[in-house]
Amino acid sequence: MTANPVAGVLARMPEVTRDVPADRSGALWRLAEDGRQLDANVVRLAAGTRVAVHVEPDLDVLLYVVDGTGRLDTAEGGRPVEAGCLVWLPHGSRRGMAAGPEGLAYLTVHRRRPGLSIGTASARAGTARTGTADAGTARAGAVPPAGAVPEAGGEREGGEAACLLDRVCPECGRLAPAETGVRFCGRCGSRLPAG
């Protein structure tokens, strides 16, 4: 962590969203300060595009609609959103976003997730006990990925299989779903590596 952190203005939303082509989707801005405890992203969805409905098991997310209109898809159905809406996405909830006819830009803020790691289960045991699991740590009740071998204590050795690397977002480290045709990260909107 920085010895003397300094507060300051990081960006001005009108400038972040102003010159983005109407057909562009993806992360427009992200928090990248050293020693931060939060992650934040400004994501733009082009008209008619969407972030598929998914469940985030670990992180609560606060979402603020910066520009445009769209729909928040939840387990209870779709709810319209527009510039100025503040949305709470508790961990474990089903959520997805769909852009309206002029597109949708939103800011997400959540606790910083540790990066992907490869190591022994014993080295990750402290992380598993605190509940701050990363993509390479077994979660209670989770089905291990193909090729994972449980140890005697129920923990996996080694992390995710190497064949999953094409599903790891290069910007935020999130593992994309195994569905075919997924090209953008569901968390930050960045383009995924070509697989």
N, C-alpha and C. Protein backbone atom coordinates (compact mmCIF):
# COMPACT_ATOMS: atom_id res chain seq x y z
N MET A 1 0.85 -1.18 0.00
CA MET A 1 0.00 0.00 0.00
C MET A 1 0.89 1.23 0.00
N THR A 2 0.41 2.28 -0.63
CA THR A 2 1.14 3.53 -0.68
C THR A 2 1.28 4.09 0.73
N ALA A 3 2.47 4.59 1.07
CA ALA A 3 2.72 5.11 2.41
C ALA A 3 1.79 6.26 2.75
N ASN A 4 1.59 7.19 1.86
CA ASN A 4 0.72 8.35 2.09
C ASN A 4 -0.29 8.47 0.97
N PRO A 5 -1.41 7.73 1.05
CA PRO A 5 -2.40 7.82 -0.02
C PRO A 5 -2.97 9.24 -0.10
N VAL A 6 -3.28 9.66 -1.32
CA VAL A 6 -3.80 11.00 -1.54
C VAL A 6 -5.15 10.89 -2.23
N ALA A 7 -6.14 11.59 -1.69
CA ALA A 7 -7.47 11.63 -2.30
C ALA A 7 -7.42 12.54 -3.52
N GLY A 8 -8.26 12.26 -4.52
CA GLY A 8 -8.28 13.14 -5.68
C GLY A 8 -9.33 12.72 -6.70
N VAL A 9 -9.57 13.59 -7.66
CA VAL A 9 -10.50 13.32 -8.76
C VAL A 9 -9.80 12.39 -9.74
N LEU A 10 -10.46 11.28 -10.07
CA LEU A 10 -9.87 10.29 -10.98
C LEU A 10 -10.33 10.47 -12.42
N ALA A 11 -11.57 10.87 -12.61
CA ALA A 11 -12.11 11.00 -13.97
C ALA A 11 -13.36 11.86 -13.93
N ARG A 12 -13.75 12.35 -15.08
CA ARG A 12 -15.01 13.08 -15.22
C ARG A 12 -15.86 12.28 -16.22
N MET A 13 -16.99 11.80 -15.74
CA MET A 13 -17.81 10.89 -16.55
C MET A 13 -18.18 11.45 -17.92
N PRO A 14 -18.55 12.71 -18.05
CA PRO A 14 -18.86 13.20 -19.41
C PRO A 14 -17.68 13.02 -20.37
N GLU A 15 -16.47 13.19 -19.87
CA GLU A 15 -15.29 13.01 -20.73
C GLU A 15 -15.02 11.54 -21.03
N VAL A 16 -15.31 10.67 -20.06
CA VAL A 16 -15.09 9.23 -20.25
C VAL A 16 -16.03 8.68 -21.30
N THR A 17 -17.28 9.13 -21.30
CA THR A 17 -18.29 8.57 -22.20
C THR A 17 -18.51 9.37 -23.48
N ARG A 18 -17.99 10.57 -23.57
CA ARG A 18 -18.32 11.49 -24.67
C ARG A 18 -17.97 10.97 -26.06
N ASP A 19 -16.77 10.53 -26.30
CA ASP A 19 -16.32 10.20 -27.66
C ASP A 19 -16.34 8.70 -27.98
N VAL A 20 -17.15 7.94 -27.26
CA VAL A 20 -17.20 6.50 -27.49
C VAL A 20 -18.15 6.22 -28.66
N PRO A 21 -17.67 5.51 -29.68
CA PRO A 21 -18.55 5.17 -30.81
C PRO A 21 -19.78 4.39 -30.33
N ALA A 22 -20.92 4.65 -30.95
CA ALA A 22 -22.18 4.05 -30.54
C ALA A 22 -22.16 2.53 -30.57
N ASP A 23 -21.33 1.94 -31.43
CA ASP A 23 -21.31 0.48 -31.55
C ASP A 23 -20.25 -0.18 -30.68
N ARG A 24 -19.56 0.58 -29.81
CA ARG A 24 -18.50 0.02 -28.98
C ARG A 24 -19.03 -0.44 -27.62
N SER A 25 -18.68 -1.65 -27.25
CA SER A 25 -18.96 -2.17 -25.91
C SER A 25 -17.63 -2.45 -25.24
N GLY A 26 -17.60 -2.35 -23.94
CA GLY A 26 -16.38 -2.69 -23.20
C GLY A 26 -16.12 -1.73 -22.07
N ALA A 27 -14.99 -1.95 -21.42
CA ALA A 27 -14.59 -1.10 -20.30
C ALA A 27 -14.04 0.21 -20.84
N LEU A 28 -14.57 1.32 -20.35
CA LEU A 28 -14.11 2.65 -20.76
C LEU A 28 -13.10 3.20 -19.76
N TRP A 29 -13.19 2.78 -18.52
CA TRP A 29 -12.33 3.29 -17.46
C TRP A 29 -12.32 2.23 -16.35
N ARG A 30 -11.18 2.15 -15.65
CA ARG A 30 -11.13 1.28 -14.48
C ARG A 30 -10.22 1.87 -13.43
N LEU A 31 -10.51 1.60 -12.19
CA LEU A 31 -9.70 2.05 -11.08
C LEU A 31 -8.42 1.23 -11.08
N ALA A 32 -7.27 1.89 -11.05
CA ALA A 32 -6.01 1.16 -11.14
C ALA A 32 -4.99 1.66 -10.12
N GLU A 33 -5.44 2.37 -9.10
CA GLU A 33 -4.52 2.93 -8.12
C GLU A 33 -3.88 1.83 -7.29
N ASP A 34 -2.59 1.98 -7.00
CA ASP A 34 -1.86 1.03 -6.16
C ASP A 34 -2.45 1.00 -4.76
N GLY A 35 -2.49 -0.18 -4.15
CA GLY A 35 -2.91 -0.32 -2.77
C GLY A 35 -4.40 -0.17 -2.53
N ARG A 36 -5.19 -0.15 -3.58
CA ARG A 36 -6.63 0.05 -3.40
C ARG A 36 -7.30 -1.17 -2.79
N GLN A 37 -8.41 -0.95 -2.11
CA GLN A 37 -9.22 -2.03 -1.56
C GLN A 37 -10.47 -2.27 -2.40
N LEU A 38 -10.73 -1.39 -3.36
CA LEU A 38 -11.91 -1.48 -4.21
C LEU A 38 -11.50 -1.66 -5.66
N ASP A 39 -12.42 -2.22 -6.44
CA ASP A 39 -12.31 -2.19 -7.89
C ASP A 39 -13.51 -1.40 -8.39
N ALA A 40 -13.32 -0.66 -9.45
CA ALA A 40 -14.39 0.10 -10.07
C ALA A 40 -14.14 0.12 -11.57
N ASN A 41 -15.20 0.07 -12.34
CA ASN A 41 -15.12 0.08 -13.80
C ASN A 41 -16.27 0.88 -14.35
N VAL A 42 -16.04 1.58 -15.45
CA VAL A 42 -17.12 2.15 -16.24
C VAL A 42 -17.23 1.27 -17.47
N VAL A 43 -18.39 0.67 -17.66
CA VAL A 43 -18.62 -0.28 -18.74
C VAL A 43 -19.67 0.30 -19.68
N ARG A 44 -19.45 0.14 -20.97
CA ARG A 44 -20.43 0.57 -21.97
C ARG A 44 -20.91 -0.63 -22.75
N LEU A 45 -22.23 -0.73 -22.85
CA LEU A 45 -22.86 -1.75 -23.70
C LEU A 45 -23.48 -1.03 -24.89
N ALA A 46 -23.12 -1.44 -26.10
CA ALA A 46 -23.72 -0.86 -27.30
C ALA A 46 -25.20 -1.24 -27.36
N ALA A 47 -25.97 -0.50 -28.11
CA ALA A 47 -27.40 -0.76 -28.25
C ALA A 47 -27.64 -2.22 -28.61
N GLY A 48 -28.57 -2.84 -27.90
CA GLY A 48 -28.95 -4.22 -28.18
C GLY A 48 -28.01 -5.28 -27.65
N THR A 49 -26.92 -4.91 -26.99
CA THR A 49 -26.01 -5.92 -26.44
C THR A 49 -26.33 -6.14 -24.96
N ARG A 50 -25.72 -7.17 -24.41
CA ARG A 50 -26.07 -7.52 -23.03
C ARG A 50 -24.93 -8.22 -22.32
N VAL A 51 -24.99 -8.20 -21.01
CA VAL A 51 -24.18 -9.05 -20.15
C VAL A 51 -25.13 -10.15 -19.72
N ALA A 52 -24.83 -11.40 -20.07
CA ALA A 52 -25.72 -12.52 -19.79
C ALA A 52 -26.01 -12.64 -18.30
N VAL A 53 -27.18 -13.14 -17.99
CA VAL A 53 -27.55 -13.37 -16.59
C VAL A 53 -26.56 -14.36 -15.99
N HIS A 54 -26.07 -14.02 -14.83
CA HIS A 54 -25.07 -14.84 -14.14
C HIS A 54 -25.22 -14.62 -12.64
N VAL A 55 -24.53 -15.42 -11.86
CA VAL A 55 -24.51 -15.27 -10.40
C VAL A 55 -23.08 -14.98 -9.99
N GLU A 56 -22.89 -13.91 -9.25
CA GLU A 56 -21.58 -13.58 -8.67
C GLU A 56 -21.62 -14.11 -7.24
N PRO A 57 -20.89 -15.20 -6.95
CA PRO A 57 -21.02 -15.84 -5.64
C PRO A 57 -20.35 -15.10 -4.49
N ASP A 58 -19.37 -14.24 -4.78
CA ASP A 58 -18.54 -13.69 -3.71
C ASP A 58 -18.71 -12.21 -3.42
N LEU A 59 -19.05 -11.41 -4.43
CA LEU A 59 -18.97 -9.96 -4.27
C LEU A 59 -20.32 -9.27 -4.38
N ASP A 60 -20.57 -8.35 -3.44
CA ASP A 60 -21.65 -7.39 -3.59
C ASP A 60 -21.16 -6.33 -4.56
N VAL A 61 -22.04 -5.85 -5.43
CA VAL A 61 -21.67 -4.84 -6.41
C VAL A 61 -22.68 -3.70 -6.35
N LEU A 62 -22.16 -2.47 -6.35
CA LEU A 62 -22.98 -1.29 -6.47
C LEU A 62 -22.81 -0.80 -7.90
N LEU A 63 -23.92 -0.58 -8.59
CA LEU A 63 -23.90 -0.20 -10.00
C LEU A 63 -24.64 1.13 -10.13
N TYR A 64 -24.03 2.09 -10.81
CA TYR A 64 -24.65 3.39 -11.05
C TYR A 64 -24.73 3.61 -12.56
N VAL A 65 -25.94 3.83 -13.07
CA VAL A 65 -26.12 4.05 -14.51
C VAL A 65 -25.72 5.49 -14.83
N VAL A 66 -24.67 5.62 -15.65
CA VAL A 66 -24.10 6.92 -16.01
C VAL A 66 -24.84 7.53 -17.19
N ASP A 67 -25.18 6.70 -18.19
CA ASP A 67 -25.74 7.22 -19.43
C ASP A 67 -26.58 6.14 -20.09
N GLY A 68 -27.64 6.55 -20.77
CA GLY A 68 -28.45 5.63 -21.55
C GLY A 68 -29.56 4.97 -20.76
N THR A 69 -30.14 3.95 -21.38
CA THR A 69 -31.22 3.19 -20.77
C THR A 69 -30.96 1.71 -21.02
N GLY A 70 -31.67 0.88 -20.26
CA GLY A 70 -31.52 -0.55 -20.45
C GLY A 70 -32.40 -1.31 -19.49
N ARG A 71 -32.02 -2.55 -19.25
CA ARG A 71 -32.81 -3.42 -18.39
C ARG A 71 -31.87 -4.22 -17.49
N LEU A 72 -32.20 -4.26 -16.21
CA LEU A 72 -31.54 -5.12 -15.25
C LEU A 72 -32.35 -6.41 -15.19
N ASP A 73 -31.74 -7.53 -15.53
CA ASP A 73 -32.41 -8.83 -15.46
C ASP A 73 -32.08 -9.48 -14.13
N THR A 74 -33.10 -9.85 -13.37
CA THR A 74 -32.92 -10.50 -12.06
C THR A 74 -33.75 -11.77 -12.02
N ALA A 75 -33.66 -12.49 -10.93
CA ALA A 75 -34.47 -13.70 -10.76
C ALA A 75 -35.96 -13.38 -10.76
N GLU A 76 -36.31 -12.14 -10.44
CA GLU A 76 -37.71 -11.72 -10.41
C GLU A 76 -38.18 -11.13 -11.74
N GLY A 77 -37.29 -11.08 -12.74
CA GLY A 77 -37.66 -10.53 -14.04
C GLY A 77 -36.85 -9.30 -14.38
N GLY A 78 -37.23 -8.62 -15.47
CA GLY A 78 -36.51 -7.45 -15.93
C GLY A 78 -37.02 -6.18 -15.26
N ARG A 79 -36.09 -5.27 -14.99
CA ARG A 79 -36.44 -3.97 -14.41
C ARG A 79 -35.74 -2.89 -15.23
N PRO A 80 -36.49 -1.87 -15.68
CA PRO A 80 -35.86 -0.82 -16.48
C PRO A 80 -34.87 0.00 -15.65
N VAL A 81 -33.77 0.41 -16.29
CA VAL A 81 -32.81 1.30 -15.65
C VAL A 81 -32.51 2.44 -16.63
N GLU A 82 -32.12 3.58 -16.09
CA GLU A 82 -31.78 4.75 -16.90
C GLU A 82 -30.74 5.55 -16.15
N ALA A 83 -30.16 6.53 -16.83
CA ALA A 83 -29.14 7.38 -16.21
C ALA A 83 -29.66 7.89 -14.87
N GLY A 84 -28.81 7.75 -13.85
CA GLY A 84 -29.15 8.18 -12.50
C GLY A 84 -29.60 7.06 -11.58
N CYS A 85 -29.92 5.88 -12.12
CA CYS A 85 -30.34 4.75 -11.27
C CYS A 85 -29.14 4.20 -10.50
N LEU A 86 -29.36 3.93 -9.23
CA LEU A 86 -28.36 3.29 -8.38
C LEU A 86 -28.88 1.90 -8.07
N VAL A 87 -28.09 0.88 -8.39
CA VAL A 87 -28.55 -0.51 -8.32
C VAL A 87 -27.67 -1.29 -7.34
N TRP A 88 -28.29 -2.08 -6.48
CA TRP A 88 -27.61 -2.95 -5.53
C TRP A 88 -27.66 -4.37 -6.08
N LEU A 89 -26.49 -5.01 -6.22
CA LEU A 89 -26.40 -6.38 -6.70
C LEU A 89 -25.72 -7.22 -5.62
N PRO A 90 -26.51 -7.78 -4.68
CA PRO A 90 -25.89 -8.56 -3.60
C PRO A 90 -25.26 -9.85 -4.12
N HIS A 91 -24.20 -10.30 -3.47
CA HIS A 91 -23.56 -11.55 -3.88
C HIS A 91 -24.58 -12.68 -3.79
N GLY A 92 -24.45 -13.62 -4.71
CA GLY A 92 -25.38 -14.74 -4.76
C GLY A 92 -26.63 -14.46 -5.57
N SER A 93 -26.86 -13.22 -5.99
CA SER A 93 -28.07 -12.90 -6.75
C SER A 93 -27.83 -13.11 -8.24
N ARG A 94 -28.91 -13.45 -8.94
CA ARG A 94 -28.87 -13.56 -10.40
C ARG A 94 -29.00 -12.16 -10.97
N ARG A 95 -28.10 -11.82 -11.94
CA ARG A 95 -28.15 -10.50 -12.52
C ARG A 95 -27.59 -10.51 -13.93
N GLY A 96 -28.11 -9.64 -14.73
CA GLY A 96 -27.63 -9.42 -16.09
C GLY A 96 -28.05 -8.02 -16.50
N MET A 97 -27.43 -7.48 -17.53
CA MET A 97 -27.76 -6.14 -18.01
C MET A 97 -27.98 -6.21 -19.52
N ALA A 98 -28.96 -5.47 -20.00
CA ALA A 98 -29.22 -5.36 -21.42
C ALA A 98 -29.32 -3.89 -21.78
N ALA A 99 -28.65 -3.47 -22.84
CA ALA A 99 -28.66 -2.07 -23.26
C ALA A 99 -29.91 -1.76 -24.06
N GLY A 100 -30.40 -0.54 -23.90
CA GLY A 100 -31.53 -0.05 -24.68
C GLY A 100 -31.07 0.43 -26.04
N PRO A 101 -31.96 1.13 -26.77
CA PRO A 101 -31.66 1.53 -28.15
C PRO A 101 -30.50 2.51 -28.31
N GLU A 102 -30.18 3.28 -27.27
CA GLU A 102 -29.05 4.22 -27.38
C GLU A 102 -27.82 3.73 -26.63
N GLY A 103 -27.87 2.51 -26.13
CA GLY A 103 -26.76 1.96 -25.38
C GLY A 103 -26.88 2.27 -23.89
N LEU A 104 -25.92 1.78 -23.14
CA LEU A 104 -25.96 1.91 -21.68
C LEU A 104 -24.53 1.99 -21.17
N ALA A 105 -24.28 2.94 -20.29
CA ALA A 105 -22.97 3.04 -19.64
C ALA A 105 -23.21 3.05 -18.14
N TYR A 106 -22.41 2.27 -17.41
CA TYR A 106 -22.60 2.21 -15.96
C TYR A 106 -21.27 2.03 -15.25
N LEU A 107 -21.26 2.49 -14.01
CA LEU A 107 -20.12 2.37 -13.11
C LEU A 107 -20.40 1.25 -12.14
N THR A 108 -19.46 0.32 -11.98
CA THR A 108 -19.59 -0.72 -10.95
C THR A 108 -18.49 -0.52 -9.91
N VAL A 109 -18.84 -0.76 -8.66
CA VAL A 109 -17.88 -0.66 -7.56
C VAL A 109 -18.08 -1.87 -6.66
N HIS A 110 -16.97 -2.51 -6.31
CA HIS A 110 -17.03 -3.67 -5.42
C HIS A 110 -15.69 -3.86 -4.74
N ARG A 111 -15.69 -4.69 -3.72
CA ARG A 111 -14.45 -5.03 -3.03
C ARG A 111 -13.49 -5.65 -4.04
N ARG A 112 -12.23 -5.35 -3.89
CA ARG A 112 -11.24 -5.88 -4.81
C ARG A 112 -11.09 -7.38 -4.61
N ARG A 113 -11.14 -8.10 -5.71
CA ARG A 113 -10.98 -9.55 -5.69
C ARG A 113 -9.49 -9.86 -5.86
N PRO A 114 -8.96 -10.77 -5.05
CA PRO A 114 -7.56 -11.17 -5.26
C PRO A 114 -7.40 -11.75 -6.66
N GLY A 115 -6.23 -11.60 -7.26
CA GLY A 115 -5.97 -12.13 -8.59
C GLY A 115 -5.93 -13.64 -8.59
N LEU A 116 -5.94 -14.20 -9.78
CA LEU A 116 -5.82 -15.65 -9.92
C LEU A 116 -4.48 -16.10 -9.38
N SER A 117 -4.46 -17.27 -8.80
CA SER A 117 -3.19 -17.78 -8.29
C SER A 117 -3.12 -19.28 -8.52
N ILE A 118 -1.91 -19.75 -8.60
CA ILE A 118 -1.66 -21.18 -8.69
C ILE A 118 -0.75 -21.52 -7.54
N GLY A 119 -1.13 -22.48 -6.77
CA GLY A 119 -0.34 -22.85 -5.61
C GLY A 119 -0.95 -24.07 -4.96
N THR A 120 -0.46 -24.41 -3.77
CA THR A 120 -0.98 -25.57 -3.08
C THR A 120 -2.20 -25.18 -2.26
N ALA A 121 -3.04 -26.14 -1.99
CA ALA A 121 -4.22 -25.90 -1.19
C ALA A 121 -3.85 -25.40 0.20
N SER A 122 -2.76 -25.91 0.77
CA SER A 122 -2.38 -25.47 2.10
C SER A 122 -1.98 -24.00 2.10
N ALA A 123 -1.40 -23.51 1.01
CA ALA A 123 -1.03 -22.10 0.93
C ALA A 123 -2.26 -21.22 0.82
N ARG A 124 -3.36 -21.78 0.29
CA ARG A 124 -4.58 -21.00 0.13
C ARG A 124 -5.55 -21.21 1.27
N ALA A 125 -5.25 -22.08 2.21
CA ALA A 125 -6.20 -22.42 3.26
C ALA A 125 -6.65 -21.20 4.05
N GLY A 126 -5.78 -20.28 4.34
CA GLY A 126 -6.16 -19.07 5.06
C GLY A 126 -7.15 -18.26 4.28
N THR A 127 -6.98 -18.18 2.97
CA THR A 127 -7.92 -17.45 2.12
C THR A 127 -9.27 -18.14 2.13
N ALA A 128 -9.30 -19.46 2.03
CA ALA A 128 -10.57 -20.17 2.01
C ALA A 128 -11.32 -19.97 3.33
N ARG A 129 -10.59 -19.94 4.47
CA ARG A 129 -11.25 -19.75 5.76
C ARG A 129 -11.85 -18.36 5.90
N THR A 130 -11.23 -17.35 5.32
CA THR A 130 -11.73 -15.98 5.47
C THR A 130 -12.85 -15.67 4.50
N GLY A 131 -13.08 -16.54 3.53
CA GLY A 131 -14.16 -16.32 2.59
C GLY A 131 -13.80 -15.40 1.43
N THR A 132 -12.54 -15.04 1.30
CA THR A 132 -12.12 -14.19 0.19
C THR A 132 -11.45 -15.05 -0.86
N ALA A 133 -12.21 -15.96 -1.40
CA ALA A 133 -11.66 -16.92 -2.36
C ALA A 133 -11.42 -16.27 -3.69
N ASP A 134 -10.40 -16.74 -4.41
CA ASP A 134 -10.20 -16.30 -5.78
C ASP A 134 -10.63 -17.42 -6.71
N ALA A 135 -10.47 -17.22 -8.00
CA ALA A 135 -10.94 -18.21 -8.97
C ALA A 135 -10.21 -19.53 -8.86
N GLY A 136 -9.08 -19.57 -8.20
CA GLY A 136 -8.33 -20.81 -8.07
C GLY A 136 -8.54 -21.50 -6.75
N THR A 137 -9.46 -21.05 -5.93
CA THR A 137 -9.69 -21.62 -4.61
C THR A 137 -11.03 -22.31 -4.57
N ALA A 138 -11.09 -23.49 -3.99
CA ALA A 138 -12.35 -24.21 -3.88
C ALA A 138 -13.28 -23.44 -2.96
N ARG A 139 -14.55 -23.33 -3.34
CA ARG A 139 -15.56 -22.68 -2.51
C ARG A 139 -16.45 -23.75 -1.93
N ALA A 140 -16.96 -23.50 -0.73
CA ALA A 140 -17.86 -24.45 -0.09
C ALA A 140 -19.05 -24.69 -1.01
N GLY A 141 -19.35 -25.94 -1.28
CA GLY A 141 -20.48 -26.31 -2.11
C GLY A 141 -20.23 -26.20 -3.60
N ALA A 142 -19.08 -25.71 -4.00
CA ALA A 142 -18.79 -25.55 -5.43
C ALA A 142 -18.36 -26.88 -6.04
N VAL A 143 -18.70 -27.07 -7.29
CA VAL A 143 -18.26 -28.25 -8.01
C VAL A 143 -16.90 -27.94 -8.60
N PRO A 144 -15.88 -28.76 -8.30
CA PRO A 144 -14.55 -28.47 -8.84
C PRO A 144 -14.55 -28.57 -10.36
N PRO A 145 -13.70 -27.79 -11.03
CA PRO A 145 -13.62 -27.88 -12.48
C PRO A 145 -13.07 -29.23 -12.91
N ALA A 146 -13.34 -29.56 -14.16
CA ALA A 146 -12.83 -30.82 -14.70
C ALA A 146 -11.33 -30.90 -14.50
N GLY A 147 -10.85 -32.01 -14.06
CA GLY A 147 -9.42 -32.21 -13.88
C GLY A 147 -8.93 -31.88 -12.49
N ALA A 148 -9.77 -31.23 -11.65
CA ALA A 148 -9.35 -30.90 -10.29
C ALA A 148 -9.41 -32.15 -9.45
N VAL A 149 -8.40 -32.36 -8.64
CA VAL A 149 -8.33 -33.54 -7.80
C VAL A 149 -8.40 -33.11 -6.35
N PRO A 150 -9.49 -33.48 -5.62
CA PRO A 150 -9.58 -33.11 -4.22
C PRO A 150 -8.51 -33.81 -3.39
N GLU A 151 -8.01 -33.12 -2.38
CA GLU A 151 -7.09 -33.73 -1.43
C GLU A 151 -7.91 -34.41 -0.35
N ALA A 152 -7.24 -35.07 0.56
CA ALA A 152 -7.93 -35.77 1.64
C ALA A 152 -8.82 -34.83 2.42
N GLY A 153 -8.39 -33.60 2.65
CA GLY A 153 -9.16 -32.62 3.41
C GLY A 153 -10.25 -31.95 2.59
N GLY A 154 -10.43 -32.32 1.34
CA GLY A 154 -11.48 -31.76 0.51
C GLY A 154 -11.03 -30.56 -0.30
N GLU A 155 -9.81 -30.07 -0.10
CA GLU A 155 -9.34 -28.91 -0.86
C GLU A 155 -8.61 -29.38 -2.11
N ARG A 156 -8.66 -28.56 -3.16
CA ARG A 156 -8.02 -28.89 -4.42
C ARG A 156 -6.57 -28.45 -4.40
N GLU A 157 -5.77 -29.11 -5.18
CA GLU A 157 -4.36 -28.77 -5.35
C GLU A 157 -4.18 -28.06 -6.68
N GLY A 158 -3.54 -26.90 -6.70
CA GLY A 158 -3.05 -26.32 -7.94
C GLY A 158 -3.88 -25.27 -8.63
N GLY A 159 -5.14 -25.05 -8.36
CA GLY A 159 -5.91 -24.01 -9.03
C GLY A 159 -6.58 -24.51 -10.29
N GLU A 160 -7.06 -23.58 -11.11
CA GLU A 160 -7.78 -23.91 -12.33
C GLU A 160 -6.86 -24.57 -13.36
N ALA A 161 -7.44 -25.40 -14.18
CA ALA A 161 -6.67 -26.07 -15.23
C ALA A 161 -6.17 -25.05 -16.24
N ALA A 162 -5.01 -25.28 -16.82
CA ALA A 162 -4.40 -24.34 -17.76
C ALA A 162 -5.27 -24.11 -18.99
N CYS A 163 -6.11 -25.08 -19.35
CA CYS A 163 -6.95 -24.94 -20.53
C CYS A 163 -8.01 -23.86 -20.35
N LEU A 164 -8.16 -23.29 -19.17
CA LEU A 164 -9.14 -22.25 -18.92
C LEU A 164 -8.57 -20.85 -19.16
N LEU A 165 -7.29 -20.74 -19.47
CA LEU A 165 -6.66 -19.44 -19.58
C LEU A 165 -7.31 -18.55 -20.64
N ASP A 166 -7.88 -19.13 -21.69
CA ASP A 166 -8.53 -18.30 -22.71
C ASP A 166 -9.85 -17.71 -22.21
N ARG A 167 -10.31 -18.14 -21.03
CA ARG A 167 -11.54 -17.61 -20.45
C ARG A 167 -11.26 -16.59 -19.34
N VAL A 168 -9.98 -16.28 -19.07
CA VAL A 168 -9.63 -15.34 -18.02
C VAL A 168 -9.55 -13.93 -18.61
N CYS A 169 -10.30 -12.99 -18.04
CA CYS A 169 -10.29 -11.61 -18.52
C CYS A 169 -8.92 -11.00 -18.26
N PRO A 170 -8.28 -10.42 -19.28
CA PRO A 170 -6.96 -9.83 -19.10
C PRO A 170 -6.98 -8.55 -18.25
N GLU A 171 -8.14 -7.93 -18.10
CA GLU A 171 -8.24 -6.69 -17.34
C GLU A 171 -8.51 -6.92 -15.86
N CYS A 172 -9.50 -7.77 -15.54
CA CYS A 172 -9.89 -7.91 -14.13
C CYS A 172 -9.68 -9.30 -13.56
N GLY A 173 -9.32 -10.29 -14.40
CA GLY A 173 -9.02 -11.62 -13.91
C GLY A 173 -10.21 -12.54 -13.71
N ARG A 174 -11.42 -12.10 -14.03
CA ARG A 174 -12.60 -12.93 -13.85
C ARG A 174 -12.62 -14.07 -14.86
N LEU A 175 -13.08 -15.23 -14.44
CA LEU A 175 -13.21 -16.38 -15.31
C LEU A 175 -14.57 -16.32 -15.99
N ALA A 176 -14.58 -16.29 -17.32
CA ALA A 176 -15.82 -16.22 -18.10
C ALA A 176 -16.52 -17.58 -18.07
N PRO A 177 -17.85 -17.60 -18.27
CA PRO A 177 -18.57 -18.88 -18.32
C PRO A 177 -18.09 -19.73 -19.49
N ALA A 178 -18.35 -21.02 -19.41
CA ALA A 178 -17.88 -21.97 -20.42
C ALA A 178 -18.73 -21.95 -21.69
N GLU A 179 -19.77 -21.12 -21.73
CA GLU A 179 -20.64 -21.05 -22.90
C GLU A 179 -19.83 -20.66 -24.14
N THR A 180 -20.17 -21.24 -25.28
CA THR A 180 -19.49 -20.84 -26.51
C THR A 180 -20.01 -19.49 -26.95
N GLY A 181 -19.17 -18.72 -27.58
CA GLY A 181 -19.57 -17.42 -28.09
C GLY A 181 -19.42 -16.28 -27.10
N VAL A 182 -18.96 -16.52 -25.86
CA VAL A 182 -18.74 -15.45 -24.91
C VAL A 182 -17.48 -14.72 -25.33
N ARG A 183 -17.60 -13.44 -25.67
CA ARG A 183 -16.46 -12.68 -26.17
C ARG A 183 -16.03 -11.56 -25.25
N PHE A 184 -16.90 -11.16 -24.29
CA PHE A 184 -16.58 -10.06 -23.41
C PHE A 184 -16.76 -10.48 -21.95
N CYS A 185 -15.97 -9.90 -21.09
CA CYS A 185 -16.03 -10.18 -19.66
C CYS A 185 -17.37 -9.71 -19.09
N GLY A 186 -17.98 -10.54 -18.27
CA GLY A 186 -19.25 -10.19 -17.64
C GLY A 186 -19.10 -9.16 -16.53
N ARG A 187 -17.90 -8.97 -16.01
CA ARG A 187 -17.69 -7.99 -14.95
C ARG A 187 -17.30 -6.63 -15.49
N CYS A 188 -16.25 -6.57 -16.31
CA CYS A 188 -15.73 -5.26 -16.73
C CYS A 188 -15.99 -4.96 -18.20
N GLY A 189 -16.45 -5.93 -18.97
CA GLY A 189 -16.76 -5.69 -20.38
C GLY A 189 -15.60 -5.79 -21.34
N SER A 190 -14.41 -6.11 -20.85
CA SER A 190 -13.25 -6.21 -21.71
C SER A 190 -13.35 -7.41 -22.64
N ARG A 191 -12.74 -7.31 -23.82
CA ARG A 191 -12.73 -8.42 -24.76
C ARG A 191 -11.87 -9.54 -24.19
N LEU A 192 -12.37 -10.77 -24.27
CA LEU A 192 -11.63 -11.94 -23.79
C LEU A 192 -10.61 -12.37 -24.83
N PRO A 193 -9.53 -13.07 -24.41
CA PRO A 193 -8.55 -13.56 -25.37
C PRO A 193 -9.20 -14.50 -26.37
N ALA A 194 -8.70 -14.51 -27.58
CA ALA A 194 -9.22 -15.43 -28.61
C ALA A 194 -8.82 -16.85 -28.21
N GLY A 195 -9.79 -17.77 -28.22
CA GLY A 195 -9.52 -19.13 -27.77
C GLY A 195 -9.35 -20.05 -28.82
